[in-house]
Amino acid sequence: SQPADDLAFVRIVNVPKRGLGDKAVQKVHQLARAEGLPLTSAAARILDTDELTPQARRSLGNFVGDIARWRQMGQTLPHPELARQILDESGYTAMLQNEKTAEAAGRLENLSELVRAMEEYESLGAFLEHVSLVMEREGGMRQPEVTIMTIHAAKGLEFDTVFLAGWEEGLFPSQRALDEGGTASLEEERRLAYVAITRARRRATILHAANRRIYGQWTSSLPSRFVGELPPEHVEVETTMSGGESLWRANWSERADPFADVGRGTGRGPGWQRAAAGGFTRDAPRVVEARASAISFGNKGRDDLSTGMRVFHQKFGYGTIDAIEGNKLEVEFEHAGRKRVMDSFVSIG
């Protein structure tokens, strides 16, 4: 709706990757400055020259053509449907799906919520006006706020209270680290876990879910191995919910640091000793003052399942139960191999 928005052009010109190198984008900028044109207009004009390589010209031509086509579609197509089509045709949705990370899954959920919010307004202009008003109103009021960031972005920062969500096998550590990365990748994620927890001056709260909806499918999950490696005397299970979900919390005052022992190499978990040895020790280790409580999960299993039984899982297909532990099953699937799943997610096949 704003053809002269150069900032928007810069953000999307090569996201997802379109085969446009830095030199090609730089030439578009040079032409725009030389002739006083918006970047979109400069991109269309440079296609008629020999400034770009054939590959870059084709890629940029497709991009410019897509923008023109979407703008034309906006004259007749409802704006929520247009947004869905742009996300699909641009390859942005596919790019996030292929990343298969928790961060990418969160972005996909945010995009879905954005489209749903657009449905509440009669036009794209009305929606943008609402967003602008909300931003102006929030910008004028100073209120208590929550800072959301990745673990990498949090390095070097500290907060009184830190919430760490999604500490589950397959998310953190990631499935890629478990399947492909080997020991080195797992150790790197363990060091990141140490960084995340030690961002908290007073309290760190770790959350994990027994079941999570990813790419439209429910998937059972187990707590991250990093949780199990924490020194138990510094961990308190504050809440245990249905289905095995739990919330872990480490509490300490300004004089206490539950991971000070880890920095000195005396923590209970060998993984955390290695993480601390990797350069993430804290500057001033202090005396530990923390509570601990036993972990209790509601893990009573189903009575109608037994080893050797054939079952069906929506994601992994058919398989045979090899072992049962409470409400968790070890299943050898015909195509997906050996997996550990929740019994509530299988049916007798």
Protein backbone atom coordinates (compact mmCIF):
# COMPACT_ATOMS: atom_id res chain seq x y z
CA SER A 1 0.00 0.00 0.00
CA GLN A 2 3.08 2.25 0.21
CA PRO A 3 5.15 1.87 -2.97
CA ALA A 4 7.75 4.37 -1.75
CA ASP A 5 8.50 2.52 1.50
CA ASP A 6 12.22 1.91 1.02
CA LEU A 7 12.67 0.36 4.46
CA ALA A 8 10.09 -2.34 3.67
CA PHE A 9 11.81 -3.02 0.34
CA VAL A 10 15.18 -3.53 2.04
CA ARG A 11 13.66 -5.93 4.55
CA ILE A 12 12.09 -8.26 1.99
CA VAL A 13 14.16 -7.93 -1.19
CA ASN A 14 16.18 -11.05 -0.37
CA VAL A 15 14.04 -12.72 2.32
CA PRO A 16 13.53 -15.53 1.55
CA LYS A 17 16.69 -15.92 -0.53
CA ARG A 18 15.99 -15.01 -4.16
CA GLY A 19 19.44 -15.35 -5.68
CA LEU A 20 20.16 -11.63 -5.35
CA GLY A 21 23.68 -10.89 -4.19
CA ASP A 22 24.84 -7.81 -2.33
CA LYS A 23 26.20 -6.28 -5.54
CA ALA A 24 22.82 -6.49 -7.29
CA VAL A 25 21.01 -4.87 -4.36
CA GLN A 26 23.72 -2.21 -4.15
CA LYS A 27 23.21 -1.30 -7.81
CA VAL A 28 19.49 -0.82 -7.18
CA HIS A 29 20.37 1.56 -4.34
CA GLN A 30 22.80 3.46 -6.56
CA LEU A 31 20.20 3.95 -9.28
CA ALA A 32 17.60 5.07 -6.73
CA ARG A 33 19.95 7.71 -5.31
CA ALA A 34 21.11 8.89 -8.71
CA GLU A 35 17.59 9.43 -10.07
CA GLY A 36 15.74 10.21 -6.86
CA LEU A 37 13.48 7.16 -7.13
CA PRO A 38 11.94 4.84 -4.55
CA LEU A 39 13.75 1.51 -4.44
CA THR A 40 10.77 -0.33 -5.93
CA SER A 41 10.78 1.97 -8.97
CA ALA A 42 14.56 1.75 -9.29
CA ALA A 43 14.36 -2.05 -9.22
CA ALA A 44 11.83 -2.03 -12.07
CA ARG A 45 13.92 0.38 -14.11
CA ILE A 46 17.24 -1.44 -13.71
CA LEU A 47 15.67 -4.53 -15.29
CA ASP A 48 15.85 -2.75 -18.65
CA THR A 49 19.63 -2.37 -18.37
CA ASP A 50 22.60 -4.74 -18.48
CA GLU A 51 23.77 -3.76 -14.99
CA LEU A 52 22.77 -7.11 -13.50
CA THR A 53 23.77 -10.66 -14.28
CA PRO A 54 21.13 -12.76 -16.08
CA GLN A 55 20.41 -14.70 -12.87
CA ALA A 56 20.03 -11.54 -10.78
CA ARG A 57 17.84 -9.95 -13.46
CA ARG A 58 15.51 -12.94 -13.49
CA SER A 59 15.28 -13.03 -9.70
CA LEU A 60 14.69 -9.31 -9.36
CA GLY A 61 12.19 -9.38 -12.23
CA ASN A 62 10.18 -12.09 -10.49
CA PHE A 63 10.22 -10.09 -7.26
CA VAL A 64 9.12 -6.85 -8.92
CA GLY A 65 6.43 -8.74 -10.83
CA ASP A 66 5.13 -10.33 -7.64
CA ILE A 67 4.84 -6.95 -5.92
CA ALA A 68 2.92 -5.50 -8.85
CA ARG A 69 0.63 -8.52 -9.01
CA TRP A 70 -0.09 -8.51 -5.27
CA ARG A 71 -0.82 -4.79 -5.40
CA GLN A 72 -3.32 -5.41 -8.21
CA MET A 73 -4.91 -8.30 -6.31
CA GLY A 74 -5.38 -5.99 -3.35
CA GLN A 75 -7.98 -4.07 -5.35
CA THR A 76 -10.41 -7.00 -5.28
CA LEU A 77 -9.18 -9.66 -2.84
CA PRO A 78 -10.07 -9.38 0.89
CA HIS A 79 -6.99 -8.20 2.75
CA PRO A 80 -6.70 -11.25 5.09
CA GLU A 81 -6.80 -13.58 2.09
CA LEU A 82 -4.25 -11.40 0.31
CA ALA A 83 -1.93 -11.64 3.31
CA ARG A 84 -2.23 -15.44 3.33
CA GLN A 85 -1.50 -15.60 -0.39
CA ILE A 86 1.53 -13.33 -0.11
CA LEU A 87 2.98 -15.39 2.75
CA ASP A 88 2.50 -18.56 0.69
CA GLU A 89 3.59 -17.34 -2.75
CA SER A 90 6.58 -15.39 -1.46
CA GLY A 91 8.00 -18.54 0.11
CA TYR A 92 8.16 -16.92 3.55
CA THR A 93 5.94 -19.55 5.18
CA ALA A 94 7.92 -22.39 3.58
CA MET A 95 11.18 -20.80 4.74
CA LEU A 96 10.05 -20.81 8.38
CA GLN A 97 8.64 -24.33 8.13
CA ASN A 98 11.93 -25.63 6.76
CA GLU A 99 13.90 -24.11 9.65
CA LYS A 100 12.14 -26.47 12.10
CA THR A 101 13.16 -24.50 15.18
CA ALA A 102 11.16 -23.24 18.13
CA GLU A 103 11.84 -19.66 17.07
CA ALA A 104 10.54 -20.33 13.55
CA ALA A 105 7.45 -22.06 14.96
CA GLY A 106 6.81 -19.00 17.10
CA ARG A 107 7.08 -16.74 14.07
CA LEU A 108 4.58 -18.88 12.19
CA GLU A 109 2.16 -18.61 15.09
CA ASN A 110 2.63 -14.84 15.16
CA LEU A 111 1.89 -14.61 11.44
CA SER A 112 -1.28 -16.66 11.87
CA GLU A 113 -2.38 -14.37 14.69
CA LEU A 114 -1.63 -11.33 12.51
CA VAL A 115 -3.91 -12.61 9.75
CA ARG A 116 -6.64 -13.38 12.29
CA ALA A 117 -6.37 -9.83 13.65
CA MET A 118 -6.72 -8.42 10.13
CA GLU A 119 -10.04 -10.24 9.75
CA GLU A 120 -11.56 -7.97 12.39
CA TYR A 121 -11.24 -4.89 10.17
CA GLU A 122 -13.06 -4.03 6.98
CA SER A 123 -10.00 -2.89 5.07
CA LEU A 124 -6.23 -2.97 5.19
CA GLY A 125 -6.21 0.78 5.77
CA ALA A 126 -8.45 0.43 8.83
CA PHE A 127 -6.22 -2.27 10.25
CA LEU A 128 -3.05 -0.22 9.74
CA GLU A 129 -4.72 2.81 11.30
CA HIS A 130 -5.61 0.74 14.37
CA VAL A 131 -2.03 -0.53 14.68
CA SER A 132 -0.71 3.02 14.39
CA LEU A 133 -3.03 4.28 17.12
CA VAL A 134 -2.10 1.44 19.45
CA MET A 135 1.60 2.09 18.97
CA GLU A 136 1.16 5.82 19.61
CA ARG A 137 -0.85 5.18 22.76
CA GLU A 138 1.62 2.65 24.14
CA GLY A 139 4.54 4.87 23.23
CA GLY A 140 3.11 7.69 25.34
CA MET A 141 2.75 5.63 28.52
CA ARG A 142 5.62 4.25 30.55
CA GLN A 143 4.46 0.99 32.07
CA PRO A 144 6.14 -2.07 33.53
CA GLU A 145 7.36 -4.12 30.62
CA VAL A 146 8.61 -7.55 29.71
CA THR A 147 11.68 -7.93 27.51
CA ILE A 148 11.55 -10.85 25.08
CA MET A 149 14.77 -11.99 23.44
CA THR A 150 16.75 -14.99 22.30
CA ILE A 151 19.42 -16.54 24.51
CA HIS A 152 22.11 -15.27 22.15
CA ALA A 153 20.80 -11.71 22.46
CA ALA A 154 20.75 -11.99 26.27
CA LYS A 155 24.49 -12.64 26.59
CA GLY A 156 26.05 -10.06 28.87
CA LEU A 157 22.70 -8.95 30.32
CA GLU A 158 21.13 -9.70 33.69
CA PHE A 159 17.57 -9.47 35.01
CA ASP A 160 16.02 -10.01 38.41
CA THR A 161 13.57 -12.55 36.98
CA VAL A 162 13.94 -14.70 33.88
CA PHE A 163 11.38 -17.05 32.30
CA LEU A 164 12.73 -19.80 30.04
CA ALA A 165 10.05 -21.57 28.01
CA GLY A 166 10.17 -24.61 25.77
CA TRP A 167 12.86 -26.60 27.57
CA GLU A 168 11.95 -29.88 25.91
CA GLU A 169 13.84 -32.58 24.06
CA GLY A 170 13.73 -31.68 20.38
CA LEU A 171 13.36 -27.97 21.08
CA PHE A 172 16.20 -27.32 23.51
CA PRO A 173 18.39 -29.16 22.74
CA SER A 174 17.09 -28.96 19.20
CA GLN A 175 16.29 -32.07 17.19
CA ARG A 176 18.99 -31.10 14.73
CA ALA A 177 21.61 -31.06 17.48
CA LEU A 178 20.43 -34.46 18.68
CA ASP A 179 20.28 -36.07 15.23
CA GLU A 180 23.07 -34.45 13.26
CA GLY A 181 25.35 -32.32 15.40
CA GLY A 182 26.83 -34.95 17.68
CA THR A 183 28.57 -34.19 20.95
CA ALA A 184 29.91 -30.79 19.87
CA SER A 185 26.48 -29.40 19.00
CA LEU A 186 24.96 -30.77 22.19
CA GLU A 187 27.71 -29.19 24.29
CA GLU A 188 27.14 -25.85 22.56
CA GLU A 189 23.44 -25.94 23.42
CA ARG A 190 24.31 -26.95 26.98
CA ARG A 191 26.50 -23.86 27.24
CA LEU A 192 23.61 -21.77 25.93
CA ALA A 193 21.38 -23.26 28.62
CA TYR A 194 23.93 -22.22 31.22
CA VAL A 195 24.00 -18.71 29.77
CA ALA A 196 20.19 -18.53 29.86
CA ILE A 197 19.87 -19.54 33.51
CA THR A 198 22.68 -17.31 34.73
CA ARG A 199 21.01 -14.23 33.24
CA ALA A 200 18.77 -14.28 36.34
CA ARG A 201 19.97 -12.38 39.40
CA ARG A 202 17.22 -13.65 41.71
CA ARG A 203 14.86 -16.12 40.07
CA ALA A 204 14.87 -18.29 36.96
CA THR A 205 11.71 -20.14 35.97
CA ILE A 206 11.96 -23.00 33.47
CA LEU A 207 8.83 -24.30 31.74
CA HIS A 208 8.24 -27.35 29.59
CA ALA A 209 5.12 -28.90 28.09
CA ALA A 210 4.17 -32.55 27.90
CA ASN A 211 2.35 -31.94 24.61
CA ARG A 212 3.01 -29.22 22.05
CA ARG A 213 1.27 -28.30 18.80
CA ILE A 214 3.87 -27.86 16.04
CA TYR A 215 2.96 -27.31 12.39
CA GLY A 216 -0.66 -28.15 13.14
CA GLN A 217 0.07 -31.50 14.83
CA TRP A 218 0.17 -32.41 18.51
CA THR A 219 3.50 -33.90 19.53
CA SER A 220 4.39 -35.44 22.88
CA SER A 221 7.61 -34.24 24.46
CA LEU A 222 9.91 -34.86 27.40
CA PRO A 223 11.63 -32.34 29.66
CA SER A 224 14.99 -31.18 28.38
CA ARG A 225 17.96 -33.20 29.57
CA PHE A 226 19.41 -29.89 30.74
CA VAL A 227 16.71 -29.70 33.42
CA GLY A 228 17.70 -33.12 34.73
CA GLU A 229 21.35 -32.04 34.90
CA LEU A 230 20.66 -29.11 37.23
CA PRO A 231 22.01 -29.50 40.77
CA PRO A 232 18.88 -30.79 42.56
CA GLU A 233 19.51 -28.83 45.75
CA HIS A 234 19.02 -25.62 43.75
CA VAL A 235 15.79 -26.65 42.01
CA GLU A 236 12.24 -26.35 43.23
CA VAL A 237 9.29 -27.85 41.38
CA GLU A 238 6.71 -25.20 42.12
CA THR A 239 3.78 -26.62 40.14
CA THR A 240 2.98 -29.99 38.64
CA MET A 241 0.07 -29.93 36.22
CA SER A 242 -1.99 -32.54 34.45
CA GLY A 243 -0.32 -34.55 31.71
CA GLY A 244 3.12 -34.29 33.28
CA GLU A 245 3.67 -30.61 32.57
CA SER A 246 5.72 -28.89 35.22
CA LEU A 247 7.28 -25.58 36.12
CA TRP A 248 10.79 -25.49 37.55
CA ARG A 249 12.04 -22.57 39.59
CA ALA A 250 15.35 -21.62 41.12
CA ASN A 251 15.08 -18.95 43.83
CA TRP A 252 17.86 -17.00 45.44
CA SER A 253 18.54 -13.62 46.97
CA GLU A 254 21.08 -11.08 45.80
CA ARG A 255 23.58 -12.82 48.09
CA ALA A 256 22.94 -16.25 46.65
CA ASP A 257 23.66 -17.84 43.31
CA PRO A 258 22.45 -21.42 42.76
CA PHE A 259 24.93 -21.87 39.94
CA ALA A 260 27.97 -20.57 41.77
CA ASP A 261 28.99 -24.16 42.50
CA VAL A 262 28.78 -24.92 38.81
CA GLY A 263 31.23 -22.13 38.05
CA ARG A 264 33.66 -23.68 40.53
CA GLY A 265 33.27 -27.11 38.97
CA THR A 266 31.46 -28.61 41.98
CA GLY A 267 27.94 -28.83 40.57
CA ARG A 268 26.14 -32.16 40.62
CA GLY A 269 25.55 -32.34 36.88
CA PRO A 270 28.65 -33.11 34.80
CA GLY A 271 27.14 -31.34 31.81
CA TRP A 272 26.90 -28.09 33.76
CA GLN A 273 30.50 -28.48 34.88
CA ARG A 274 31.51 -28.63 31.24
CA ALA A 275 29.28 -25.66 30.43
CA ALA A 276 30.87 -23.58 33.16
CA ALA A 277 34.32 -24.58 31.95
CA GLY A 278 33.44 -23.17 28.54
CA GLY A 279 33.80 -19.60 29.75
CA PHE A 280 30.39 -18.79 31.19
CA THR A 281 31.33 -18.62 34.88
CA ARG A 282 29.94 -15.71 36.86
CA ASP A 283 32.19 -12.96 38.16
CA ALA A 284 31.43 -13.30 41.88
CA PRO A 285 30.29 -16.77 43.05
CA ARG A 286 28.21 -16.55 46.21
CA VAL A 287 26.85 -18.84 48.91
CA VAL A 288 23.89 -20.93 47.82
CA GLU A 289 20.58 -20.41 49.59
CA ALA A 290 17.85 -22.24 47.70
CA ARG A 291 15.08 -24.71 48.30
CA ALA A 292 14.55 -28.06 46.62
CA SER A 293 11.59 -30.37 46.40
CA ALA A 294 11.01 -33.78 44.91
CA ILE A 295 9.65 -34.04 41.41
CA SER A 296 6.27 -35.65 41.08
CA PHE A 297 4.55 -36.26 37.78
CA GLY A 298 1.04 -37.51 37.15
CA ASN A 299 2.27 -40.41 35.02
CA LYS A 300 -0.23 -43.21 35.51
CA GLY A 301 -0.35 -45.10 32.24
CA ARG A 302 -3.21 -46.60 30.27
CA ASP A 303 -4.46 -50.04 31.26
CA ASP A 304 -5.21 -51.18 27.71
CA LEU A 305 -1.61 -51.08 26.41
CA SER A 306 1.11 -53.70 26.74
CA THR A 307 4.50 -54.48 25.21
CA GLY A 308 4.37 -56.09 21.79
CA MET A 309 1.10 -54.36 20.94
CA ARG A 310 0.75 -52.62 17.58
CA VAL A 311 -0.26 -48.95 17.84
CA PHE A 312 -0.76 -45.95 15.56
CA HIS A 313 0.63 -42.44 16.10
CA GLN A 314 -0.62 -39.51 14.01
CA LYS A 315 2.89 -38.23 13.28
CA PHE A 316 5.02 -41.40 13.23
CA GLY A 317 2.53 -43.93 11.85
CA TYR A 318 2.33 -47.61 12.89
CA GLY A 319 4.71 -49.23 15.34
CA THR A 320 5.15 -51.82 18.08
CA ILE A 321 5.44 -51.05 21.80
CA ASP A 322 8.83 -52.15 23.15
CA ALA A 323 8.62 -50.70 26.66
CA ILE A 324 6.19 -48.88 28.93
CA GLU A 325 7.15 -46.43 31.67
CA GLY A 326 4.13 -44.84 33.31
CA ASN A 327 2.36 -42.84 30.63
CA LYS A 328 5.35 -42.91 28.25
CA LEU A 329 5.95 -45.54 25.60
CA GLU A 330 9.06 -46.72 23.76
CA VAL A 331 7.74 -47.57 20.29
CA GLU A 332 9.61 -48.98 17.29
CA PHE A 333 7.81 -47.34 14.37
CA GLU A 334 7.87 -48.93 10.93
CA HIS A 335 9.15 -45.82 9.16
CA ALA A 336 10.19 -43.36 11.87
CA GLY A 337 12.33 -45.71 13.95
CA ARG A 338 12.41 -45.84 17.73
CA LYS A 339 10.58 -42.98 19.48
CA ARG A 340 9.41 -42.18 22.98
CA VAL A 341 5.82 -40.91 22.98
CA MET A 342 2.95 -40.24 25.37
CA ASP A 343 0.38 -43.04 25.56
CA SER A 344 -2.45 -40.55 25.06
CA PHE A 345 -1.19 -39.92 21.53
CA VAL A 346 -1.44 -43.47 20.25
CA SER A 347 -4.36 -45.66 19.34
CA ILE A 348 -4.41 -49.43 19.22
CA GLY A 349 -3.72 -50.45 15.63
